[in-house]
Amino acid sequence: MALGFTELEQEKWNTIKVLIVDDQLSSAQLVKSVLDKIAIKSIDIATCYQHAIQLCQTQRYDLILFDFHLNQNINGGELLSLLRQQNLIRSNCGIIFFSGDHSPEVISTTMGIEPDCFLTKPINIGTLKQRVISVYKVCLHREPIYQALDKQDHQQAIQLCRHLLREQGHNLHIETLLLELLIEIKQWQQAEQLLLLFKQHSQHHKLSLIEAKLATKKGYHLEAINRLKRLIKHVPLCVFAYDELASLYQQNNQVDKAQEVAMQVLTLTPTIPHRALTVAQLSADMNDIDNFLQAGKTLATHLPIIDKLWLVHFAEYTAIFEQIYTNQLSNQHNHRLHTAIKDIHHLAQLRLQGEKKQHLDAFANIALARLYHIDKKIQKSKRRLLKGLSPFFGVMLQAPSIVMIEALPMLISYGESRLIGEIYQVLMTRSELDEHSQHRLNELKEKQLIIENVRLLVSHLETAKANLIQDPKRAGALYQTILHDYPQCSEAMLGYCESLLNQKAYNHSDIQKSLKQLKTIELPQPLADWRKSLIAKLSSPQVI
């Protein structure tokens, strides 16, 4: 058969679908011309990540070739991670990376992605042909295993791995997959026996990493630490070894060593958000402000701005920021942190445009509102909070979940019932929340007393408003009661002013004082119209 295929392989080759992702069209066309020569009929090209996502939403590719460096602050690894997260590519899709950049960052990041093949530019035509064919064959062989994994049938996947190894002999990818599956179902003895067998014909670092993981799972932490240290010494760009070692140190309460290792791997792969967040958390645990802030700057300048999770990563960092902020004992330190978080947000804003910039602006204001709330600077907190939410007044469906959820606790504290209700309705329509948002929401749901108090607040506000015309004195008393419990409740402030005006006997300065707090604050409709109406009434000749 042509290209050395069996009849079945040739039949499948005739229907193979390939995607080339490269921001340089000329480079992508060169790769396409090579694939044309080996009879690949269905080839698409994407020169930006948005187009690649659109194509993957409509096509199920068998093979994708990524240039590592793409435009718009995105690299191929980040795009691949997104496609996998959103289930836009087959689990068995063949992955080939190519790049002319041989820096440690590219090599270590690519090792972390674990593609089927990595080619250096300029691409050798003969090598490209050979690798495409070999990757395709590998994908065909492992396809039943991945189908079993997609169904969460680990036992079937293990049997298929064993069968393939018996049939074809040494295959590092299948061997490591088999070992990982055995460790996952706690078959330690089987994993140990197979590991010894596999290491007889390969000393690959992946097997050494699994050896350390196995020691960890069995509780031999010191042995695992020593194995990982040796592995890093021999393969200094094996990023997973750093992750494992940092985690082990942390489990053993050696936070300083965990931080040191975590910072090393972050330096190697600054575009991987979870590593910046790990450094941030470890630094916060040590009250190491300098390294904590450096992790934030790395996050801001290297964070992949590609899907909704980029804002969630900022929220996760801010949650750690609040932890370290509340631990400070001096105003000087807190002032420094205030300035630093603004700088971090500014660094990120320099990389954003359009809707994403608006979303970060909103989140930044809410993050500052939370800090002012911690400092008990309630007026500043409320002003920042409503400023952050103001772009979404009346169109809350357009707000990112994380923005709404980060705002909710303060809205509840300040008694902003209209916004609470609007946000709650929107969140209930969201089919899926990110893990951080779901955690925040669960924390609120567990506080039944708070939920009951909000319901009571809404009921009291409705009762007070219903009495504004017929019994303004009673309405005023109800609003005063509400303001006793929720001094920042905008609706109660406005209602109290209205009740005073309707009583025809009031102290002019009382109304001025109440309205003064609301004049410089963004309010949703119809509260903004109500405020405007009260200001007009107050300045009319009849009232004066």
Protein backbone atom coordinates (compact mmCIF):
# COMPACT_ATOMS: atom_id res chain seq x y z
CA MET A 1 0.00 0.00 0.00
CA ALA A 2 1.01 3.64 -0.58
CA LEU A 3 2.97 5.22 2.28
CA GLY A 4 3.37 1.79 3.89
CA PHE A 5 -0.24 1.63 5.11
CA THR A 6 -2.36 -1.45 5.59
CA GLU A 7 -5.62 -1.49 3.66
CA LEU A 8 -7.60 -0.33 6.72
CA GLU A 9 -5.09 2.47 7.47
CA GLN A 10 -5.23 3.64 3.86
CA GLU A 11 -9.02 3.69 3.97
CA LYS A 12 -9.01 5.91 7.06
CA TRP A 13 -6.19 8.07 5.65
CA ASN A 14 -8.45 8.95 2.72
CA THR A 15 -10.87 10.70 5.13
CA ILE A 16 -8.36 12.28 7.53
CA LYS A 17 -9.04 15.92 8.48
CA VAL A 18 -6.10 18.19 9.33
CA LEU A 19 -5.91 21.71 10.77
CA ILE A 20 -2.82 23.94 10.53
CA VAL A 21 -2.65 26.82 13.05
CA ASP A 22 0.00 29.40 12.19
CA ASP A 23 -0.20 33.20 12.23
CA GLN A 24 2.16 33.30 9.23
CA LEU A 25 0.05 32.37 6.21
CA SER A 26 3.10 31.67 4.03
CA SER A 27 4.43 29.17 6.58
CA ALA A 28 1.02 27.48 6.88
CA GLN A 29 0.75 27.19 3.09
CA LEU A 30 4.19 25.58 2.93
CA VAL A 31 3.10 22.94 5.44
CA LYS A 32 -0.15 22.45 3.50
CA SER A 33 1.79 21.87 0.26
CA VAL A 34 3.77 19.09 1.96
CA LEU A 35 0.56 17.46 3.23
CA ASP A 36 -0.96 17.72 -0.25
CA LYS A 37 1.91 15.59 -1.55
CA ILE A 38 1.04 12.73 0.82
CA ALA A 39 -2.55 12.70 -0.38
CA ILE A 40 -4.25 14.45 2.54
CA LYS A 41 -7.40 15.89 0.98
CA SER A 42 -9.06 17.81 3.82
CA ILE A 43 -6.76 20.55 5.14
CA ASP A 44 -7.86 23.78 6.86
CA ILE A 45 -5.70 26.76 7.86
CA ALA A 46 -6.26 29.14 10.79
CA THR A 47 -4.04 32.22 11.14
CA CYS A 48 -5.48 33.31 14.50
CA TYR A 49 -6.76 31.53 17.55
CA GLN A 50 -10.34 32.78 17.08
CA HIS A 51 -10.53 31.18 13.64
CA ALA A 52 -9.03 27.96 14.98
CA ILE A 53 -11.73 27.81 17.67
CA GLN A 54 -14.48 28.45 15.10
CA LEU A 55 -13.16 25.67 12.86
CA CYS A 56 -12.94 23.21 15.76
CA GLN A 57 -16.54 24.02 16.69
CA THR A 58 -17.72 22.73 13.31
CA GLN A 59 -15.08 20.11 12.40
CA ARG A 60 -13.64 17.14 14.29
CA TYR A 61 -10.00 17.02 13.27
CA ASP A 62 -7.82 13.93 13.32
CA LEU A 63 -4.57 15.89 13.36
CA ILE A 64 -3.68 19.48 14.30
CA LEU A 65 -0.35 21.16 13.63
CA PHE A 66 0.37 24.20 15.84
CA ASP A 67 2.99 26.87 15.49
CA PHE A 68 4.07 27.57 19.08
CA HIS A 69 4.12 31.37 18.81
CA LEU A 70 0.85 32.89 17.66
CA ASN A 71 -0.12 36.54 17.61
CA GLN A 72 -2.32 38.35 20.17
CA ASN A 73 -0.27 37.22 23.20
CA ILE A 74 -1.30 33.60 22.71
CA ASN A 75 0.83 30.54 22.12
CA GLY A 76 -0.17 27.25 20.59
CA GLY A 77 -0.02 25.46 23.93
CA GLU A 78 -2.58 27.79 25.45
CA LEU A 79 -4.85 27.33 22.47
CA LEU A 80 -4.53 23.55 22.70
CA SER A 81 -5.42 23.65 26.42
CA LEU A 82 -8.54 25.68 25.64
CA LEU A 83 -9.62 23.32 22.86
CA ARG A 84 -9.23 20.38 25.22
CA GLN A 85 -11.05 22.10 28.09
CA GLN A 86 -14.01 22.95 25.88
CA ASN A 87 -14.03 19.47 24.33
CA LEU A 88 -13.57 20.93 20.85
CA ILE A 89 -11.09 18.27 19.74
CA ARG A 90 -11.07 14.51 20.02
CA SER A 91 -9.18 13.10 23.00
CA ASN A 92 -7.30 11.01 20.44
CA CYS A 93 -6.50 13.91 18.09
CA GLY A 94 -2.87 13.84 16.93
CA ILE A 95 -0.91 16.93 18.00
CA ILE A 96 2.23 18.25 16.30
CA PHE A 97 4.02 21.45 17.38
CA PHE A 98 6.65 23.35 15.47
CA SER A 99 8.73 26.40 16.36
CA GLY A 100 11.95 28.17 15.48
CA ASP A 101 12.32 29.26 19.10
CA HIS A 102 14.57 26.88 21.04
CA SER A 103 14.44 28.79 24.34
CA PRO A 104 14.02 26.93 27.65
CA GLU A 105 10.55 28.45 28.03
CA VAL A 106 9.33 26.99 24.73
CA ILE A 107 10.94 23.60 25.34
CA SER A 108 9.69 23.27 28.94
CA THR A 109 6.18 24.52 28.06
CA THR A 110 6.00 22.07 25.17
CA MET A 111 7.15 19.23 27.43
CA GLY A 112 4.29 20.15 29.72
CA ILE A 113 1.82 19.95 26.84
CA GLU A 114 3.09 16.53 25.79
CA PRO A 115 2.33 16.68 22.06
CA ASP A 116 2.79 13.65 19.86
CA CYS A 117 5.65 15.39 18.06
CA PHE A 118 7.70 18.61 18.14
CA LEU A 119 9.49 19.88 15.02
CA THR A 120 11.98 22.72 14.83
CA LYS A 121 11.87 25.40 12.14
CA PRO A 122 12.88 25.60 9.40
CA ILE A 123 10.88 22.43 8.85
CA ASN A 124 12.52 19.63 6.92
CA ILE A 125 10.01 18.43 4.32
CA GLY A 126 11.03 14.78 4.56
CA THR A 127 10.87 14.83 8.36
CA LEU A 128 7.44 16.48 8.32
CA LYS A 129 6.03 13.81 5.99
CA GLN A 130 7.48 11.03 8.12
CA ARG A 131 6.23 12.47 11.42
CA VAL A 132 2.71 13.14 10.14
CA ILE A 133 2.40 9.54 8.98
CA SER A 134 3.87 8.09 12.19
CA VAL A 135 1.63 10.26 14.42
CA TYR A 136 -1.39 9.20 12.40
CA LYS A 137 -0.53 5.53 12.90
CA VAL A 138 -0.04 6.06 16.65
CA CYS A 139 -3.46 7.72 16.85
CA LEU A 140 -5.10 4.78 15.09
CA HIS A 141 -3.51 2.28 17.47
CA ARG A 142 -4.46 4.11 20.66
CA GLU A 143 -7.96 5.14 19.53
CA PRO A 144 -9.83 2.28 21.32
CA ILE A 145 -8.01 3.14 24.57
CA TYR A 146 -9.08 6.77 24.42
CA GLN A 147 -12.65 5.76 23.58
CA ALA A 148 -12.70 3.68 26.77
CA LEU A 149 -11.28 6.61 28.76
CA ASP A 150 -13.94 8.93 27.32
CA LYS A 151 -16.51 6.53 28.81
CA GLN A 152 -14.64 6.53 32.18
CA ASP A 153 -14.08 2.79 31.75
CA HIS A 154 -10.60 2.53 33.28
CA GLN A 155 -10.58 -1.25 33.48
CA GLN A 156 -11.30 -1.55 29.76
CA ALA A 157 -8.61 1.05 29.01
CA ILE A 158 -6.08 -0.91 31.10
CA GLN A 159 -6.90 -4.13 29.24
CA LEU A 160 -6.53 -2.39 25.88
CA CYS A 161 -3.17 -0.90 26.92
CA ARG A 162 -1.91 -4.35 27.91
CA HIS A 163 -3.17 -5.87 24.66
CA LEU A 164 -1.50 -3.20 22.53
CA LEU A 165 1.83 -3.61 24.34
CA ARG A 166 1.70 -7.38 23.96
CA GLU A 167 0.93 -6.99 20.28
CA GLN A 168 3.39 -4.23 19.36
CA GLY A 169 6.02 -4.20 22.11
CA HIS A 170 7.63 -1.06 23.60
CA ASN A 171 5.52 2.12 23.37
CA LEU A 172 6.42 4.80 25.91
CA HIS A 173 3.13 6.68 25.58
CA ILE A 174 1.02 3.58 26.21
CA GLU A 175 3.33 2.38 28.97
CA THR A 176 3.06 5.64 30.91
CA LEU A 177 -0.69 5.76 30.33
CA LEU A 178 -1.05 2.22 31.69
CA LEU A 179 1.02 3.03 34.77
CA GLU A 180 -0.97 6.22 35.45
CA LEU A 181 -4.23 4.27 35.22
CA LEU A 182 -2.99 1.58 37.61
CA ILE A 183 -1.88 4.23 40.11
CA GLU A 184 -5.26 5.95 39.80
CA ILE A 185 -7.11 2.75 40.78
CA LYS A 186 -4.50 2.07 43.52
CA GLN A 187 -3.03 -1.06 41.99
CA TRP A 188 0.38 -0.25 43.46
CA GLN A 189 1.91 -3.72 43.15
CA GLN A 190 0.96 -4.14 39.49
CA ALA A 191 2.28 -0.67 38.73
CA GLU A 192 5.59 -1.43 40.47
CA GLN A 193 6.06 -4.71 38.59
CA LEU A 194 5.33 -3.15 35.20
CA LEU A 195 7.51 -0.13 35.96
CA LEU A 196 10.51 -2.41 36.60
CA LEU A 197 9.80 -4.19 33.33
CA PHE A 198 9.44 -0.99 31.30
CA LYS A 199 12.63 0.52 32.76
CA GLN A 200 14.64 -2.41 31.41
CA HIS A 201 14.35 -1.00 27.89
CA SER A 202 13.88 2.73 28.64
CA GLN A 203 15.22 5.22 31.16
CA HIS A 204 12.93 7.98 29.94
CA HIS A 205 12.20 10.78 32.40
CA LYS A 206 8.44 10.04 32.21
CA LEU A 207 9.04 6.66 33.84
CA SER A 208 11.21 8.28 36.51
CA LEU A 209 8.42 10.77 37.21
CA ILE A 210 5.88 7.96 37.58
CA GLU A 211 8.32 6.16 39.90
CA ALA A 212 8.32 9.23 42.16
CA LYS A 213 4.52 9.52 41.97
CA LEU A 214 4.18 5.89 42.96
CA ALA A 215 6.41 6.44 45.99
CA THR A 216 4.26 9.45 46.95
CA LYS A 217 1.01 7.50 46.66
CA LYS A 218 2.43 4.79 48.91
CA GLY A 219 3.42 7.39 51.51
CA TYR A 220 7.19 7.24 50.93
CA HIS A 221 7.57 11.01 50.72
CA LEU A 222 11.30 11.25 51.43
CA GLU A 223 12.03 8.67 48.74
CA ALA A 224 9.80 10.54 46.29
CA ILE A 225 11.48 13.87 47.08
CA ASN A 226 14.95 12.43 46.47
CA ARG A 227 13.83 10.83 43.18
CA LEU A 228 12.33 14.11 41.98
CA LYS A 229 15.44 16.08 42.91
CA ARG A 230 17.60 13.65 40.92
CA LEU A 231 15.18 13.83 37.99
CA ILE A 232 15.30 17.64 37.92
CA LYS A 233 19.09 17.53 38.06
CA HIS A 234 19.24 15.25 35.00
CA VAL A 235 16.24 16.76 33.11
CA PRO A 236 16.05 20.39 34.25
CA LEU A 237 13.17 21.22 31.89
CA CYS A 238 10.84 18.47 33.14
CA VAL A 239 8.23 20.86 34.53
CA PHE A 240 5.95 18.19 36.02
CA ALA A 241 8.78 17.11 38.31
CA TYR A 242 8.92 20.62 39.78
CA ASP A 243 5.13 20.59 40.32
CA GLU A 244 5.29 17.25 42.11
CA LEU A 245 8.25 18.31 44.24
CA ALA A 246 6.66 21.61 45.26
CA SER A 247 3.45 19.78 46.19
CA LEU A 248 5.38 17.24 48.29
CA TYR A 249 7.30 19.92 50.14
CA GLN A 250 4.02 21.72 50.84
CA GLN A 251 2.41 18.51 52.16
CA ASN A 252 5.38 18.12 54.50
CA ASN A 253 5.03 21.72 55.75
CA GLN A 254 8.32 22.75 54.12
CA VAL A 255 6.74 25.88 52.68
CA ASP A 256 10.01 27.70 52.02
CA LYS A 257 11.33 24.82 49.90
CA ALA A 258 7.98 24.45 48.15
CA GLN A 259 8.05 28.15 47.26
CA GLU A 260 11.60 27.94 45.93
CA VAL A 261 10.73 25.04 43.61
CA ALA A 262 7.44 26.64 42.53
CA MET A 263 9.26 29.85 41.61
CA GLN A 264 11.77 27.88 39.54
CA VAL A 265 9.09 26.22 37.44
CA LEU A 266 7.17 29.50 37.08
CA THR A 267 10.34 31.06 35.63
CA LEU A 268 10.47 28.22 33.10
CA THR A 269 6.78 28.46 32.15
CA PRO A 270 5.45 31.95 33.01
CA THR A 271 2.37 31.51 30.81
CA ILE A 272 0.92 28.71 32.96
CA PRO A 273 -1.55 30.41 35.36
CA HIS A 274 -1.75 27.68 38.00
CA ARG A 275 2.00 28.00 38.62
CA ALA A 276 1.75 31.74 39.26
CA LEU A 277 -1.16 31.07 41.63
CA THR A 278 0.84 28.38 43.44
CA VAL A 279 3.71 30.82 44.02
CA ALA A 280 1.21 33.44 45.17
CA GLN A 281 -0.40 31.10 47.71
CA LEU A 282 2.91 29.86 49.08
CA SER A 283 4.21 33.42 49.34
CA ALA A 284 1.04 34.49 51.14
CA ASP A 285 1.44 31.60 53.58
CA MET A 286 4.95 32.90 54.33
CA ASN A 287 3.82 36.56 54.31
CA ASP A 288 6.45 37.09 51.59
CA ILE A 289 4.97 40.21 49.99
CA ASP A 290 7.72 40.74 47.40
CA ASN A 291 7.41 37.30 45.79
CA PHE A 292 3.64 37.40 46.15
CA LEU A 293 3.48 40.62 44.14
CA GLN A 294 5.98 39.32 41.59
CA ALA A 295 3.69 36.33 41.00
CA GLY A 296 0.85 38.77 40.36
CA LYS A 297 2.91 40.72 37.84
CA THR A 298 3.83 37.48 36.06
CA LEU A 299 0.15 36.59 35.93
CA ALA A 300 -0.76 40.02 34.53
CA THR A 301 1.95 40.08 31.86
CA HIS A 302 1.79 36.41 30.76
CA LEU A 303 -1.76 35.27 31.52
CA PRO A 304 -3.34 33.69 28.42
CA ILE A 305 -6.15 36.08 27.42
CA ILE A 306 -8.08 33.51 25.45
CA ASP A 307 -11.25 32.39 27.24
CA LYS A 308 -13.40 33.30 30.23
CA LEU A 309 -10.97 31.62 32.63
CA TRP A 310 -8.46 34.48 32.36
CA LEU A 311 -10.68 36.64 34.59
CA VAL A 312 -11.22 33.74 36.98
CA HIS A 313 -7.45 33.47 37.44
CA PHE A 314 -7.41 37.14 38.46
CA ALA A 315 -10.19 36.42 40.94
CA GLU A 316 -8.22 33.51 42.39
CA TYR A 317 -5.16 35.74 42.78
CA THR A 318 -7.30 38.46 44.38
CA ALA A 319 -8.70 35.95 46.89
CA ILE A 320 -5.12 35.16 47.95
CA PHE A 321 -4.40 38.91 47.91
CA GLU A 322 -7.19 39.46 50.46
CA GLN A 323 -5.61 36.77 52.65
CA ILE A 324 -2.24 38.51 52.71
CA TYR A 325 -3.90 41.95 53.01
CA THR A 326 -5.78 41.05 56.18
CA ASN A 327 -2.57 39.69 57.74
CA GLN A 328 -0.81 43.06 57.58
CA LEU A 329 -0.51 44.96 60.82
CA SER A 330 0.52 48.35 59.46
CA ASN A 331 -1.25 50.88 57.27
CA GLN A 332 2.01 51.39 55.39
CA HIS A 333 2.00 47.78 54.18
CA ASN A 334 -1.68 47.97 53.23
CA HIS A 335 -1.08 51.18 51.27
CA ARG A 336 1.72 49.43 49.40
CA LEU A 337 -0.60 46.51 48.60
CA HIS A 338 -3.36 48.87 47.43
CA THR A 339 -0.94 50.49 45.01
CA ALA A 340 0.44 47.13 43.90
CA ILE A 341 -2.94 45.59 43.02
CA LYS A 342 -3.77 48.66 40.93
CA ASP A 343 -0.44 48.29 39.11
CA ILE A 344 -1.10 44.59 38.48
CA HIS A 345 -4.51 45.34 37.01
CA HIS A 346 -2.97 48.10 34.88
CA LEU A 347 -0.34 45.71 33.49
CA ALA A 348 -3.11 43.36 32.42
CA GLN A 349 -5.22 46.17 30.95
CA LEU A 350 -2.36 47.10 28.62
CA ARG A 351 -2.86 43.73 26.91
CA LEU A 352 -6.64 43.99 26.58
CA GLN A 353 -9.12 45.55 24.20
CA GLY A 354 -12.88 45.94 23.90
CA GLU A 355 -15.10 43.73 26.01
CA LYS A 356 -12.22 42.06 27.87
CA LYS A 357 -10.89 45.45 28.98
CA GLN A 358 -14.36 46.43 30.20
CA HIS A 359 -14.63 43.19 32.15
CA LEU A 360 -11.27 43.71 33.85
CA ASP A 361 -12.17 47.34 34.66
CA ALA A 362 -15.35 46.08 36.32
CA PHE A 363 -13.52 43.38 38.23
CA ALA A 364 -10.73 45.77 39.31
CA ASN A 365 -13.28 48.16 40.83
CA ILE A 366 -14.99 45.33 42.69
CA ALA A 367 -11.63 44.01 43.94
CA LEU A 368 -10.82 47.47 45.33
CA ALA A 369 -14.30 47.68 46.84
CA ARG A 370 -13.61 44.46 48.74
CA LEU A 371 -10.37 45.93 50.13
CA TYR A 372 -12.13 49.12 51.23
CA HIS A 373 -14.79 46.92 52.84
CA ILE A 374 -12.09 45.08 54.80
CA ASP A 375 -10.75 48.48 55.93
CA LYS A 376 -14.32 49.48 56.95
CA LYS A 377 -14.24 52.41 54.50
CA ILE A 378 -17.83 51.72 53.60
CA GLN A 379 -18.59 54.82 51.49
CA LYS A 380 -15.55 54.21 49.27
CA SER A 381 -16.35 50.53 49.07
CA LYS A 382 -19.92 51.10 47.93
CA ARG A 383 -18.86 53.71 45.38
CA ARG A 384 -16.29 51.35 43.83
CA LEU A 385 -18.71 48.44 43.95
CA LEU A 386 -21.48 50.20 42.02
CA LYS A 387 -18.99 51.74 39.63
CA GLY A 388 -17.74 48.25 38.80
CA LEU A 389 -21.26 46.96 38.18
CA SER A 390 -22.56 50.07 36.38
CA PRO A 391 -21.71 48.90 32.80
CA PHE A 392 -24.12 46.01 33.38
CA PHE A 393 -27.05 47.91 34.92
CA GLY A 394 -30.13 46.66 33.06
CA VAL A 395 -28.04 44.19 31.03
CA MET A 396 -26.70 41.96 33.79
CA LEU A 397 -26.79 38.97 31.43
CA GLN A 398 -23.68 40.44 29.80
CA ALA A 399 -21.70 40.44 33.06
CA PRO A 400 -19.11 37.71 33.68
CA SER A 401 -20.22 35.33 36.43
CA ILE A 402 -17.10 36.05 38.47
CA VAL A 403 -17.84 39.81 38.52
CA MET A 404 -21.36 39.24 39.84
CA ILE A 405 -20.34 36.66 42.41
CA GLU A 406 -17.44 38.72 43.78
CA ALA A 407 -19.88 41.64 44.17
CA LEU A 408 -22.70 39.70 45.86
CA PRO A 409 -21.45 39.60 49.48
CA MET A 410 -21.01 43.39 49.56
CA LEU A 411 -24.36 44.00 47.84
CA ILE A 412 -25.98 41.90 50.55
CA SER A 413 -24.12 43.76 53.28
CA TYR A 414 -25.23 47.13 51.85
CA GLY A 415 -28.81 46.03 51.24
CA GLU A 416 -28.82 46.64 47.48
CA SER A 417 -31.82 44.38 46.98
CA ARG A 418 -32.54 45.25 43.33
CA LEU A 419 -29.06 44.30 42.17
CA ILE A 420 -29.05 41.22 44.40
CA GLY A 421 -32.27 40.04 42.76
CA GLU A 422 -31.10 40.80 39.24
CA ILE A 423 -27.78 39.00 39.75
CA TYR A 424 -29.48 36.01 41.38
CA GLN A 425 -31.85 35.61 38.41
CA VAL A 426 -28.96 35.75 35.94
CA LEU A 427 -26.84 33.25 37.88
CA MET A 428 -29.72 30.80 37.99
CA THR A 429 -29.80 30.81 34.17
CA ARG A 430 -26.07 30.04 33.83
CA SER A 431 -25.68 26.38 32.87
CA GLU A 432 -22.18 26.10 34.29
CA LEU A 433 -19.99 28.12 36.62
CA ASP A 434 -16.22 27.98 36.94
CA GLU A 435 -14.91 26.25 40.06
CA HIS A 436 -13.99 29.50 41.88
CA SER A 437 -17.40 31.09 41.24
CA GLN A 438 -19.22 27.93 42.30
CA HIS A 439 -17.20 27.84 45.53
CA ARG A 440 -18.06 31.48 46.31
CA LEU A 441 -21.74 30.87 45.55
CA ASN A 442 -21.84 27.75 47.72
CA GLU A 443 -20.39 29.76 50.62
CA LEU A 444 -23.30 32.21 50.33
CA LYS A 445 -25.92 29.48 49.97
CA GLU A 446 -24.73 27.87 53.20
CA LYS A 447 -25.53 31.07 55.12
CA GLN A 448 -29.29 30.60 55.42
CA LEU A 449 -29.70 33.48 57.87
CA ILE A 450 -28.28 35.94 55.31
CA ILE A 451 -30.67 34.65 52.64
CA GLU A 452 -33.66 34.99 54.99
CA ASN A 453 -32.56 38.52 55.93
CA VAL A 454 -32.44 39.52 52.26
CA ARG A 455 -35.97 38.18 51.74
CA LEU A 456 -37.11 40.13 54.81
CA LEU A 457 -35.39 43.28 53.49
CA VAL A 458 -37.21 42.99 50.15
CA SER A 459 -40.55 42.55 51.96
CA HIS A 460 -39.95 45.61 54.19
CA LEU A 461 -38.93 47.77 51.22
CA GLU A 462 -42.09 46.78 49.34
CA THR A 463 -44.28 47.54 52.39
CA ALA A 464 -42.61 50.91 52.95
CA LYS A 465 -42.97 51.94 49.31
CA ALA A 466 -46.63 50.93 49.27
CA ASN A 467 -47.25 53.43 52.13
CA LEU A 468 -45.32 56.38 50.64
CA ILE A 469 -48.42 58.19 49.37
CA GLN A 470 -51.19 57.19 51.76
CA ASP A 471 -49.20 57.01 55.00
CA PRO A 472 -45.78 58.70 54.48
CA LYS A 473 -45.16 58.88 58.23
CA ARG A 474 -45.43 55.09 58.56
CA ALA A 475 -43.32 54.66 55.42
CA GLY A 476 -40.66 56.92 56.93
CA ALA A 477 -40.59 54.88 60.13
CA LEU A 478 -40.20 51.65 58.12
CA TYR A 479 -37.38 53.15 56.06
CA GLN A 480 -35.63 54.29 59.24
CA THR A 481 -35.84 50.74 60.61
CA ILE A 482 -34.32 49.39 57.39
CA LEU A 483 -31.53 51.99 57.51
CA HIS A 484 -30.75 50.96 61.06
CA ASP A 485 -29.93 47.45 59.80
CA TYR A 486 -28.65 48.50 56.34
CA PRO A 487 -27.26 52.05 56.62
CA GLN A 488 -26.04 51.95 52.99
CA CYS A 489 -29.29 50.73 51.40
CA SER A 490 -29.80 53.10 48.46
CA GLU A 491 -33.51 52.33 48.05
CA ALA A 492 -34.18 52.95 51.74
CA MET A 493 -32.29 56.27 51.61
CA LEU A 494 -34.35 57.42 48.64
CA GLY A 495 -37.59 56.17 50.19
CA TYR A 496 -36.87 57.97 53.46
CA CYS A 497 -36.29 61.25 51.59
CA GLU A 498 -39.52 60.75 49.65
CA SER A 499 -41.44 60.06 52.86
CA LEU A 500 -40.15 63.30 54.40
CA LEU A 501 -41.16 65.30 51.34
CA ASN A 502 -44.62 63.71 51.34
CA GLN A 503 -45.17 64.55 55.01
CA LYS A 504 -44.97 68.29 54.24
CA ALA A 505 -43.26 68.75 57.58
CA TYR A 506 -39.58 67.93 57.60
CA ASN A 507 -36.09 69.25 58.17
CA HIS A 508 -34.62 70.31 54.81
CA SER A 509 -31.10 69.36 55.95
CA ASP A 510 -32.20 65.76 56.69
CA ILE A 511 -33.04 65.22 53.04
CA GLN A 512 -29.90 66.99 51.86
CA LYS A 513 -27.79 64.79 54.11
CA SER A 514 -29.38 61.58 52.82
CA LEU A 515 -29.15 62.59 49.17
CA LYS A 516 -25.55 63.75 49.52
CA GLN A 517 -24.39 60.17 50.06
CA LEU A 518 -26.07 59.10 46.82
CA LYS A 519 -25.15 61.99 44.51
CA THR A 520 -21.72 60.63 43.51
CA ILE A 521 -22.70 56.96 43.33
CA GLU A 522 -23.77 55.05 40.22
CA LEU A 523 -27.29 53.69 40.65
CA PRO A 524 -29.31 51.25 38.53
CA GLN A 525 -32.66 52.17 37.02
CA PRO A 526 -35.19 53.02 38.38
CA LEU A 527 -33.24 54.19 41.46
CA ALA A 528 -31.27 56.70 39.35
CA ASP A 529 -34.54 58.22 38.07
CA TRP A 530 -35.94 58.30 41.60
CA ARG A 531 -32.86 60.20 42.80
CA LYS A 532 -33.16 62.65 39.92
CA SER A 533 -36.82 63.22 40.74
CA LEU A 534 -36.08 63.86 44.42
CA ILE A 535 -33.32 66.33 43.62
CA ALA A 536 -35.70 68.18 41.29
CA LYS A 537 -38.45 68.27 43.95
CA LEU A 538 -36.04 69.47 46.60
CA SER A 539 -34.91 72.40 44.49
CA SER A 540 -38.41 73.41 43.29
CA PRO A 541 -39.86 76.77 44.53
CA GLN A 542 -42.79 75.02 46.24
CA VAL A 543 -40.47 72.97 48.45
CA ILE A 544 -37.99 75.77 49.09
